């Protein structure tokens, strides 16, 4: 499954267009490397999201064939690290 689609299906990012933009800006990494939206993800991959308000590092546990329900979405990944960023003044 494409990275941008996985981010949307897993509900890490709300919309696929936003997931693609995040990849284009270089704030999404897979296994330590900046990743394009078209990169294929597989179980065992480590995905890092370093957005303006928060940082999240997750391990991909499962890649579904199609969209899943809200309850099952959090089962697609395991959170390794998560933190909110303080706003800079």
Protein backbone atom coordinates (compact mmCIF):
# COMPACT_ATOMS: atom_id res chain seq x y z
CA UNK A 1 0.00 0.00 0.00
CA UNK A 2 1.22 3.51 -0.77
CA UNK A 3 2.45 5.55 2.18
CA UNK A 4 -0.06 8.38 1.71
CA UNK A 5 -2.94 5.89 1.59
CA UNK A 6 -1.69 4.04 4.69
CA UNK A 7 -1.49 7.33 6.64
CA UNK A 8 -5.11 8.05 5.72
CA UNK A 9 -6.46 4.52 6.30
CA UNK A 10 -4.71 4.27 9.68
CA UNK A 11 -6.07 7.72 10.57
CA UNK A 12 -2.62 9.09 11.41
CA UNK A 13 -3.49 11.92 8.99
CA UNK A 14 -7.10 12.82 8.20
CA UNK A 15 -7.00 13.18 4.42
CA UNK A 16 -4.89 11.56 1.72
CA UNK A 17 -4.16 14.94 0.14
CA UNK A 18 -2.72 16.15 3.46
CA UNK A 19 -0.65 12.97 3.72
CA UNK A 20 0.76 13.60 0.24
CA UNK A 21 1.59 17.22 1.14
CA UNK A 22 3.35 16.08 4.31
CA UNK A 23 5.47 13.69 2.25
CA UNK A 24 6.21 16.43 -0.31
CA UNK A 25 7.44 18.73 2.48
CA UNK A 26 9.75 16.01 3.79
CA UNK A 27 8.21 15.63 7.25
CA UNK A 28 7.45 11.90 6.83
CA UNK A 29 10.22 9.33 7.15
CA UNK A 30 10.14 5.58 6.65
CA UNK A 31 12.96 3.58 8.24
CA UNK A 32 14.93 6.79 8.82
CA UNK A 33 14.75 8.13 5.24
CA UNK A 34 12.54 10.91 3.92
CA UNK A 35 9.79 9.16 1.97
CA UNK A 36 7.69 10.03 -1.05
CA UNK A 37 3.93 9.53 -0.96
CA UNK A 38 4.20 6.68 -3.47
CA UNK A 39 6.55 4.58 -1.32
CA UNK A 40 5.18 1.15 -0.50
CA UNK A 41 4.89 0.35 3.21
CA UNK A 42 4.94 -3.13 4.68
CA UNK A 43 4.67 -4.64 8.16
CA UNK A 44 7.78 -3.89 10.21
CA UNK A 45 8.43 -0.46 8.68
CA UNK A 46 9.02 2.43 11.08
CA UNK A 47 7.13 5.60 10.10
CA UNK A 48 7.98 8.98 11.64
CA UNK A 49 5.72 12.03 11.38
CA UNK A 50 7.36 15.29 12.43
CA UNK A 51 4.59 17.87 12.05
CA UNK A 52 4.38 21.40 13.47
CA UNK A 53 2.35 20.52 16.57
CA UNK A 54 3.38 16.93 17.26
CA UNK A 55 5.85 14.13 16.57
CA UNK A 56 4.88 10.49 16.28
CA UNK A 57 6.95 7.38 15.56
CA UNK A 58 5.04 4.17 14.81
CA UNK A 59 5.74 0.63 13.66
CA UNK A 60 3.51 -0.71 10.90
CA UNK A 61 1.88 -3.93 12.12
CA UNK A 62 -0.56 -4.62 9.31
CA UNK A 63 -1.28 -3.27 5.84
CA UNK A 64 -4.95 -3.80 4.95
CA UNK A 65 -6.16 -4.58 1.44
CA UNK A 66 -8.85 -1.86 1.72
CA UNK A 67 -10.09 0.77 4.13
CA UNK A 68 -10.90 -0.36 7.66
CA UNK A 69 -13.27 0.93 10.31
CA UNK A 70 -12.34 3.47 12.95
CA UNK A 71 -12.00 0.83 15.68
CA UNK A 72 -9.62 -1.30 13.61
CA UNK A 73 -7.48 1.62 12.36
CA UNK A 74 -5.43 1.91 15.56
CA UNK A 75 -4.57 -1.79 15.28
CA UNK A 76 -2.63 -1.18 12.06
CA UNK A 77 0.31 0.35 13.93
CA UNK A 78 2.07 0.43 17.31
CA UNK A 79 3.16 3.77 18.77
CA UNK A 80 6.85 3.81 19.64
CA UNK A 81 7.17 7.48 20.57
CA UNK A 82 4.73 10.37 20.69
CA UNK A 83 5.04 13.94 21.90
CA UNK A 84 3.37 17.29 21.48
CA UNK A 85 5.54 20.25 20.63
CA UNK A 86 5.40 23.48 22.55
CA UNK A 87 4.65 26.53 20.38
CA UNK A 88 7.60 28.81 19.80
CA UNK A 89 7.00 32.45 20.69
